Amino acid sequence: MDSHAPESSSAAQKITPAQPEWTISTSGQTPELHISGNWTIDEHVPLAFSSDALSANNQAGSLTVDASKLGQWDSSLVSFLWSAKQVAAKKGLSLDISDLPEGVQSLSSLLPETPQAPTPLHDKIHNPFTLSGAFTLSTLNEVGALTLLGLDTAQVSTKALSGHGGMRLRDLLANIFDAGPSALLIVSVVNFLIGAILAFVGAVQLQKFSADIYVANLVGIACVRELSAVMTAIIMAGRTGGAYAARIATMQGNEEIDALQVFGIPISSYILVPAVVSLMVMMPLLYLYGCVMSIFGGYVVSVGMLPDITGAGYMHQTFGAVSMSQFEFGFAKSIVFAIMIGLVSCRIGLKAGRSAADVGTAATSAVVVGIVGVITLDAIFAVIANALGI
């Protein structure tokens, strides 16, 4: 039993991993870099070659690497050799790695000859003219892209009416249900409260002049002409527009848009047209429904708060104050709002990135741009109406 003990200890010494070491020797005029041991990250290998390891008076043109005693290795050896290559280059030497394994030579060939210089930090002076010009060009570019998208959608919509546009009726009906009946509850609540608030504020002020009955005029004209169309459009921008952008951005991330393009399926007829057409169909109807709910909200507050106003008198005053031209004006605005929300939401979804965070960013951008666009278009309509005397 004792005679086998030395053999066991010698076997244990053989399987003990050697520590990574490197030395420099000179054979004649040629310096050699001797590498021995296991060069793995677990062995805490030296990743940098000493800058003073080579003398400056070497006459040879290369630094030869001797890897006869090299054990296991990983990328840490490649990092060390790259560092040695940089030091040798400063001494006028090239690194000869022909004795190394092929894997080390292949990885070393992928590294650059010299390390990349760090990018200098400069204090940027933001020129206001440069910033405003860049913003203007970016805005014009988006307007142009949105216009082309609208023209393409209009062309495909025309073909779809004849049954040759490639739009599936099932997709259109699904979008109509999402944009219409599913939004009735929130449209009802918001418009009812808007009418009630207007009636309450108007009643408090008009009571001072014994003009209680004109609360009906205030609620009717304000809601039919402006508030019902604007509030319904804002609701649709936050609810439906954001959903469109998130859905298309998700399709981008899942590469479904790329798959449709590979199969030759037009994106406009498959995705854009059902979304835009459904909003164009449902937004005017939701506007009319919002007008009814707003007037009803004013009716409830006025009849309940003002003792001199009856229900029949309130409705008679409303019908006399609100003309059909006011409904036509609000109806036209709702259609324009629907087109803008649909195109902007789809455009933002199509240009979104492919990560999960980009889906949320696209939805947020669609909501913000849609709401700002609705307010801006309403201001433009107000100027046009004033110029035309409507």
Protein backbone atom coordinates (compact mmCIF):
# COMPACT_ATOMS: atom_id res chain seq x y z
CA MET A 1 0.00 0.00 0.00
CA ASP A 2 2.79 2.40 0.87
CA SER A 3 4.64 1.71 -2.35
CA HIS A 4 1.78 3.27 -4.34
CA ALA A 5 1.69 6.53 -2.39
CA PRO A 6 4.46 8.28 -4.35
CA GLU A 7 2.72 7.42 -7.61
CA SER A 8 -0.54 8.96 -6.36
CA SER A 9 1.19 12.13 -5.29
CA SER A 10 3.04 12.43 -8.59
CA ALA A 11 -0.25 11.90 -10.44
CA ALA A 12 -1.83 14.65 -8.37
CA GLN A 13 1.03 16.95 -9.31
CA LYS A 14 0.52 16.16 -12.99
CA ILE A 15 -3.18 17.07 -13.00
CA THR A 16 -2.66 20.26 -11.00
CA PRO A 17 -3.18 23.13 -13.47
CA ALA A 18 -0.08 25.22 -14.11
CA GLN A 19 -0.26 28.93 -13.40
CA PRO A 20 -0.05 31.23 -16.42
CA GLU A 21 3.40 32.69 -16.87
CA TRP A 22 5.29 34.58 -19.53
CA THR A 23 8.96 35.44 -19.90
CA ILE A 24 11.17 37.20 -22.42
CA SER A 25 14.39 35.67 -23.63
CA THR A 26 16.82 36.62 -26.39
CA SER A 27 18.19 34.01 -28.78
CA GLY A 28 20.87 35.80 -30.73
CA GLN A 29 19.25 39.00 -31.91
CA THR A 30 15.68 37.64 -31.86
CA PRO A 31 13.57 38.19 -28.71
CA GLU A 32 11.16 35.41 -27.77
CA LEU A 33 8.00 35.54 -25.67
CA HIS A 34 7.58 32.23 -23.81
CA ILE A 35 4.03 31.44 -22.68
CA SER A 36 3.32 28.53 -20.33
CA GLY A 37 0.46 27.30 -18.18
CA ASN A 38 -3.29 27.57 -18.51
CA TRP A 39 -4.36 30.99 -19.80
CA THR A 40 -8.00 31.06 -18.73
CA ILE A 41 -9.98 33.72 -16.97
CA ASP A 42 -10.27 31.53 -13.88
CA GLU A 43 -6.49 31.50 -13.48
CA HIS A 44 -6.30 35.32 -13.13
CA VAL A 45 -4.11 35.72 -16.19
CA PRO A 46 -2.23 38.98 -16.80
CA LEU A 47 -4.20 40.85 -19.44
CA ALA A 48 -1.56 43.51 -20.14
CA PHE A 49 1.98 43.13 -21.45
CA SER A 50 4.58 45.15 -19.57
CA SER A 51 5.68 48.15 -21.60
CA ASP A 52 9.30 47.91 -20.37
CA ALA A 53 9.70 44.20 -21.10
CA LEU A 54 11.36 44.85 -24.45
CA SER A 55 14.56 46.82 -24.91
CA ALA A 56 14.72 49.58 -27.46
CA ASN A 57 17.93 48.35 -29.14
CA ASN A 58 16.55 45.13 -30.62
CA GLN A 59 17.91 44.58 -34.11
CA ALA A 60 15.45 41.84 -35.01
CA GLY A 61 12.27 42.67 -36.86
CA SER A 62 9.87 40.45 -34.94
CA LEU A 63 8.94 39.16 -31.52
CA THR A 64 8.47 35.38 -31.69
CA VAL A 65 5.93 33.69 -29.44
CA ASP A 66 6.85 30.27 -28.02
CA ALA A 67 3.69 28.35 -27.03
CA SER A 68 5.21 24.89 -26.57
CA LYS A 69 4.20 24.82 -22.89
CA LEU A 70 0.79 26.41 -23.35
CA GLY A 71 -2.10 24.55 -21.74
CA GLN A 72 -5.74 25.60 -21.87
CA TRP A 73 -6.59 29.06 -23.15
CA ASP A 74 -9.48 31.40 -23.78
CA SER A 75 -9.99 34.99 -24.91
CA SER A 76 -7.81 36.30 -22.07
CA LEU A 77 -4.74 34.96 -23.97
CA VAL A 78 -5.85 36.84 -27.07
CA SER A 79 -6.18 40.03 -25.04
CA PHE A 80 -2.66 39.58 -23.65
CA LEU A 81 -1.20 38.96 -27.09
CA TRP A 82 -2.91 42.05 -28.47
CA SER A 83 -1.36 44.09 -25.67
CA ALA A 84 2.03 42.54 -26.46
CA LYS A 85 1.55 43.41 -30.11
CA GLN A 86 1.00 47.09 -29.27
CA VAL A 87 4.15 47.22 -27.09
CA ALA A 88 6.21 45.43 -29.76
CA ALA A 89 4.98 47.85 -32.42
CA LYS A 90 6.25 50.79 -30.38
CA LYS A 91 9.69 49.10 -30.30
CA GLY A 92 9.67 48.55 -34.04
CA LEU A 93 8.86 44.83 -33.83
CA SER A 94 6.09 42.70 -35.28
CA LEU A 95 4.48 39.87 -33.35
CA ASP A 96 5.02 36.37 -34.80
CA ILE A 97 2.19 34.09 -33.57
CA SER A 98 2.71 31.25 -36.04
CA ASP A 99 3.53 28.86 -33.19
CA LEU A 100 0.19 29.45 -31.49
CA PRO A 101 -2.93 27.31 -32.01
CA GLU A 102 -5.08 28.13 -35.05
CA GLY A 103 -7.93 29.35 -32.85
CA VAL A 104 -5.70 31.98 -31.23
CA GLN A 105 -4.41 33.06 -34.64
CA SER A 106 -7.97 33.39 -36.00
CA LEU A 107 -9.16 35.47 -33.07
CA SER A 108 -6.04 37.65 -33.16
CA SER A 109 -6.59 38.40 -36.85
CA LEU A 110 -9.98 39.93 -36.00
CA LEU A 111 -8.45 42.58 -33.75
CA PRO A 112 -7.45 45.98 -35.13
CA GLU A 113 -3.80 46.83 -35.69
CA THR A 114 -3.92 49.77 -33.30
CA PRO A 115 -6.32 50.62 -30.49
CA GLN A 116 -9.03 53.07 -31.34
CA ALA A 117 -8.35 56.53 -30.04
CA PRO A 118 -10.97 57.79 -27.57
CA THR A 119 -13.42 60.28 -28.96
CA PRO A 120 -12.53 63.75 -27.75
CA LEU A 121 -15.19 65.47 -25.76
CA HIS A 122 -16.22 68.84 -27.11
CA ASP A 123 -18.54 71.31 -25.51
CA LYS A 124 -21.34 71.57 -28.01
CA ILE A 125 -22.65 75.04 -28.62
CA HIS A 126 -26.25 74.70 -29.72
CA ASN A 127 -26.91 77.18 -32.46
CA PRO A 128 -30.58 78.21 -32.32
CA PHE A 129 -30.69 78.63 -36.09
CA THR A 130 -29.31 75.12 -36.57
CA LEU A 131 -31.80 73.64 -34.13
CA SER A 132 -34.75 75.48 -35.65
CA GLY A 133 -33.66 74.49 -39.16
CA ALA A 134 -33.32 70.84 -38.20
CA PHE A 135 -36.74 70.92 -36.54
CA THR A 136 -38.28 72.55 -39.60
CA LEU A 137 -36.76 70.02 -41.99
CA SER A 138 -37.83 67.13 -39.78
CA THR A 139 -41.37 68.51 -39.59
CA LEU A 140 -41.58 68.99 -43.36
CA ASN A 141 -40.25 65.49 -43.90
CA GLU A 142 -42.94 64.03 -41.62
CA VAL A 143 -45.63 66.12 -43.30
CA GLY A 144 -44.48 64.84 -46.68
CA ALA A 145 -44.42 61.23 -45.49
CA LEU A 146 -47.85 61.64 -43.93
CA THR A 147 -49.21 63.16 -47.14
CA LEU A 148 -47.90 60.28 -49.23
CA LEU A 149 -49.38 57.85 -46.74
CA GLY A 150 -52.73 59.62 -46.99
CA LEU A 151 -52.68 59.57 -50.80
CA ASP A 152 -51.81 55.88 -50.83
CA THR A 153 -54.58 55.15 -48.35
CA ALA A 154 -57.09 57.16 -50.39
CA GLN A 155 -56.11 55.32 -53.57
CA VAL A 156 -56.44 51.92 -51.92
CA SER A 157 -59.74 52.97 -50.30
CA THR A 158 -61.13 53.83 -53.74
CA LYS A 159 -60.14 50.41 -55.02
CA ALA A 160 -61.58 48.77 -51.92
CA LEU A 161 -65.01 50.24 -52.66
CA SER A 162 -65.00 48.37 -55.96
CA GLY A 163 -63.84 45.17 -54.26
CA HIS A 164 -60.31 45.18 -55.71
CA GLY A 165 -58.38 46.92 -52.93
CA GLY A 166 -57.30 43.85 -51.01
CA MET A 167 -58.99 45.00 -47.81
CA ARG A 168 -60.71 42.27 -45.84
CA LEU A 169 -64.24 43.06 -44.72
CA ARG A 170 -63.63 41.18 -41.48
CA ASP A 171 -60.79 43.55 -40.55
CA LEU A 172 -62.93 46.59 -41.36
CA LEU A 173 -65.81 45.37 -39.22
CA ALA A 174 -63.48 44.55 -36.33
CA ASN A 175 -61.96 48.03 -36.46
CA ILE A 176 -65.41 49.64 -36.69
CA PHE A 177 -66.53 47.80 -33.58
CA ASP A 178 -63.38 48.83 -31.68
CA ALA A 179 -63.67 52.46 -32.77
CA GLY A 180 -67.44 52.76 -32.35
CA PRO A 181 -69.57 50.64 -30.00
CA SER A 182 -66.64 49.94 -27.67
CA ALA A 183 -66.14 53.69 -27.16
CA LEU A 184 -69.77 54.58 -26.43
CA LEU A 185 -69.43 54.47 -22.66
CA ILE A 186 -66.50 56.87 -22.33
CA VAL A 187 -67.93 59.18 -25.00
CA SER A 188 -71.24 59.25 -23.12
CA VAL A 189 -69.65 60.03 -19.75
CA VAL A 190 -67.29 62.73 -21.00
CA ASN A 191 -69.82 64.58 -23.15
CA PHE A 192 -72.53 64.35 -20.50
CA LEU A 193 -70.21 65.90 -17.92
CA ILE A 194 -69.08 68.60 -20.36
CA GLY A 195 -72.68 69.64 -20.98
CA ALA A 196 -73.46 69.52 -17.25
CA ILE A 197 -70.43 71.67 -16.40
CA LEU A 198 -71.30 74.27 -19.04
CA ALA A 199 -74.89 74.41 -17.79
CA PHE A 200 -73.78 74.80 -14.18
CA VAL A 201 -71.30 77.59 -14.95
CA GLY A 202 -73.77 79.33 -17.26
CA ALA A 203 -76.61 79.09 -14.77
CA VAL A 204 -74.56 80.67 -11.99
CA GLN A 205 -73.76 83.68 -14.17
CA LEU A 206 -76.98 84.06 -16.18
CA GLN A 207 -79.14 83.93 -13.05
CA LYS A 208 -77.70 87.31 -12.11
CA PHE A 209 -79.31 88.83 -15.24
CA SER A 210 -82.54 86.78 -15.13
CA ALA A 211 -81.48 85.11 -18.37
CA ASP A 212 -81.75 81.53 -17.17
CA ILE A 213 -83.28 80.25 -20.39
CA TYR A 214 -80.15 81.16 -22.37
CA VAL A 215 -78.29 78.35 -20.65
CA ALA A 216 -79.77 76.14 -23.38
CA ASN A 217 -78.23 78.40 -26.04
CA LEU A 218 -74.83 78.25 -24.33
CA VAL A 219 -74.77 74.48 -23.99
CA GLY A 220 -76.23 73.77 -27.41
CA ILE A 221 -74.02 76.04 -29.50
CA ALA A 222 -70.81 75.38 -27.55
CA CYS A 223 -71.18 71.61 -27.66
CA VAL A 224 -72.50 71.22 -31.19
CA ARG A 225 -70.03 73.66 -32.73
CA GLU A 226 -66.87 72.92 -30.74
CA LEU A 227 -66.75 70.80 -27.63
CA SER A 228 -68.46 67.58 -28.71
CA ALA A 229 -66.30 67.25 -31.82
CA VAL A 230 -63.09 68.16 -29.98
CA MET A 231 -63.70 66.04 -26.88
CA THR A 232 -64.77 63.02 -28.95
CA ALA A 233 -61.67 63.39 -31.11
CA ILE A 234 -59.42 63.64 -28.05
CA ILE A 235 -61.03 60.49 -26.63
CA MET A 236 -60.45 58.64 -29.90
CA ALA A 237 -56.86 59.89 -30.12
CA GLY A 238 -56.10 58.57 -26.64
CA ARG A 239 -58.07 55.36 -26.94
CA THR A 240 -58.08 54.23 -30.57
CA GLY A 241 -55.08 56.15 -31.94
CA GLY A 242 -52.78 54.85 -29.24
CA ALA A 243 -54.07 51.31 -29.80
CA TYR A 244 -53.37 51.56 -33.55
CA ALA A 245 -49.81 52.76 -32.96
CA ALA A 246 -49.12 50.08 -30.34
CA ARG A 247 -50.54 47.34 -32.55
CA ILE A 248 -48.49 48.30 -35.61
CA ALA A 249 -45.36 48.80 -33.49
CA THR A 250 -45.85 45.32 -32.04
CA MET A 251 -46.15 43.93 -35.56
CA GLN A 252 -42.87 45.66 -36.37
CA GLY A 253 -41.18 44.04 -33.39
CA ASN A 254 -42.55 40.61 -34.30
CA GLU A 255 -41.45 41.11 -37.93
CA GLU A 256 -45.02 40.68 -39.14
CA ILE A 257 -44.71 43.81 -41.31
CA ASP A 258 -41.61 42.32 -42.96
CA ALA A 259 -43.47 39.07 -43.55
CA LEU A 260 -46.35 40.90 -45.26
CA GLN A 261 -43.91 42.75 -47.51
CA VAL A 262 -42.09 39.51 -48.39
CA PHE A 263 -45.38 37.90 -49.44
CA GLY A 264 -46.27 40.99 -51.48
CA ILE A 265 -49.27 42.00 -49.36
CA PRO A 266 -49.73 45.79 -49.41
CA ILE A 267 -49.46 47.29 -45.95
CA SER A 268 -51.87 50.09 -46.85
CA SER A 269 -54.74 47.80 -47.81
CA TYR A 270 -54.15 45.25 -45.07
CA ILE A 271 -53.54 47.56 -42.08
CA LEU A 272 -53.97 51.26 -42.85
CA VAL A 273 -57.23 51.36 -44.79
CA PRO A 274 -59.34 49.44 -42.23
CA ALA A 275 -58.01 51.64 -39.43
CA VAL A 276 -58.57 54.97 -41.19
CA VAL A 277 -61.91 54.07 -42.77
CA SER A 278 -63.30 52.77 -39.49
CA LEU A 279 -62.47 56.07 -37.80
CA MET A 280 -63.97 58.05 -40.70
CA VAL A 281 -67.20 56.07 -40.41
CA MET A 282 -67.56 56.10 -36.64
CA MET A 283 -66.19 59.51 -35.65
CA PRO A 284 -69.09 61.54 -37.16
CA LEU A 285 -71.60 59.17 -35.57
CA LEU A 286 -69.86 59.45 -32.22
CA TYR A 287 -69.86 63.23 -32.64
CA LEU A 288 -73.64 63.28 -33.12
CA TYR A 289 -74.06 60.95 -30.16
CA GLY A 290 -71.78 63.21 -28.11
CA CYS A 291 -73.91 66.22 -29.02
CA VAL A 292 -77.01 64.44 -27.74
CA MET A 293 -75.28 63.48 -24.49
CA SER A 294 -73.93 67.02 -23.97
CA ILE A 295 -77.35 68.57 -24.46
CA PHE A 296 -78.83 65.97 -22.15
CA GLY A 297 -76.23 66.81 -19.49
CA GLY A 298 -77.13 70.49 -19.75
CA TYR A 299 -80.80 69.56 -19.63
CA VAL A 300 -80.41 67.61 -16.37
CA VAL A 301 -78.49 70.39 -14.62
CA SER A 302 -80.68 73.22 -15.92
CA VAL A 303 -83.99 71.60 -15.07
CA GLY A 304 -82.75 70.47 -11.70
CA MET A 305 -80.99 73.72 -10.75
CA LEU A 306 -83.12 76.48 -12.30
CA PRO A 307 -86.72 76.54 -11.10
CA ASP A 308 -87.95 78.76 -13.95
CA ILE A 309 -86.82 76.34 -16.70
CA THR A 310 -88.96 73.38 -17.71
CA GLY A 311 -87.84 70.44 -19.78
CA ALA A 312 -89.97 71.39 -22.76
CA GLY A 313 -88.80 75.00 -22.59
CA TYR A 314 -85.14 73.94 -22.49
CA MET A 315 -85.50 71.71 -25.55
CA HIS A 316 -87.47 74.34 -27.47
CA GLN A 317 -84.79 76.95 -26.75
CA THR A 318 -82.04 74.51 -27.81
CA PHE A 319 -83.69 73.69 -31.15
CA GLY A 320 -84.19 77.36 -31.84
CA ALA A 321 -80.59 78.29 -31.02
CA VAL A 322 -78.71 75.51 -32.81
CA SER A 323 -79.09 75.61 -36.56
CA MET A 324 -78.32 72.81 -39.01
CA SER A 325 -75.19 74.64 -40.20
CA GLN A 326 -73.67 74.18 -36.75
CA PHE A 327 -74.14 70.42 -37.03
CA GLU A 328 -72.67 70.44 -40.53
CA PHE A 329 -69.64 72.36 -39.33
CA GLY A 330 -69.02 69.98 -36.43
CA PHE A 331 -69.69 66.97 -38.67
CA ALA A 332 -67.03 68.12 -41.16
CA LYS A 333 -64.54 68.72 -38.37
CA SER A 334 -65.07 65.24 -36.97
CA ILE A 335 -64.25 63.66 -40.33
CA VAL A 336 -61.01 65.64 -40.62
CA PHE A 337 -60.11 64.75 -37.05
CA ALA A 338 -60.69 61.06 -37.83
CA ILE A 339 -58.42 61.13 -40.90
CA MET A 340 -55.68 62.94 -39.00
CA ILE A 341 -55.79 60.57 -36.00
CA GLY A 342 -55.81 57.46 -38.18
CA LEU A 343 -52.93 58.52 -40.44
CA VAL A 344 -50.75 59.92 -37.64
CA SER A 345 -51.21 56.85 -35.45
CA CYS A 346 -50.40 54.45 -38.28
CA ARG A 347 -47.39 56.53 -39.33
CA ILE A 348 -45.97 56.55 -35.81
CA GLY A 349 -46.51 52.79 -35.54
CA LEU A 350 -44.78 52.11 -38.86
CA LYS A 351 -41.66 54.11 -38.00
CA ALA A 352 -41.38 52.66 -34.47
CA GLY A 353 -38.44 50.53 -33.40
CA ARG A 354 -38.50 46.80 -32.79
CA SER A 355 -38.08 46.60 -29.03
CA ALA A 356 -40.73 46.31 -26.33
CA ALA A 357 -39.94 49.82 -25.10
CA ASP A 358 -40.59 51.21 -28.60
CA VAL A 359 -44.17 49.93 -28.44
CA GLY A 360 -44.89 52.08 -25.39
CA THR A 361 -43.07 55.02 -26.94
CA ALA A 362 -45.11 54.73 -30.13
CA ALA A 363 -48.40 54.58 -28.21
CA THR A 364 -47.46 57.61 -26.11
CA SER A 365 -46.34 59.59 -29.15
CA ALA A 366 -49.55 58.75 -31.01
CA VAL A 367 -51.69 59.99 -28.11
CA VAL A 368 -49.70 63.20 -27.66
CA VAL A 369 -49.48 64.04 -31.36
CA GLY A 370 -53.13 63.16 -31.87
CA ILE A 371 -54.35 65.45 -29.07
CA VAL A 372 -52.11 68.32 -30.16
CA GLY A 373 -53.20 67.79 -33.76
CA VAL A 374 -56.88 67.91 -32.80
CA ILE A 375 -56.44 71.20 -30.93
CA THR A 376 -54.40 72.67 -33.79
CA LEU A 377 -56.93 71.67 -36.44
CA ASP A 378 -59.76 73.04 -34.32
CA ALA A 379 -57.96 76.38 -34.15
CA ILE A 380 -57.55 76.35 -37.93
CA PHE A 381 -61.24 75.56 -38.35
CA ALA A 382 -62.12 78.45 -36.04
CA VAL A 383 -60.12 80.86 -38.19
CA ILE A 384 -61.71 79.49 -41.39
CA ALA A 385 -65.20 79.73 -39.90
CA ASN A 386 -64.60 83.29 -38.84
CA ALA A 387 -63.35 84.20 -42.32
CA LEU A 388 -66.36 82.57 -44.00
CA GLY A 389 -68.83 83.96 -41.46
CA ILE A 390 -70.11 80.56 -40.37
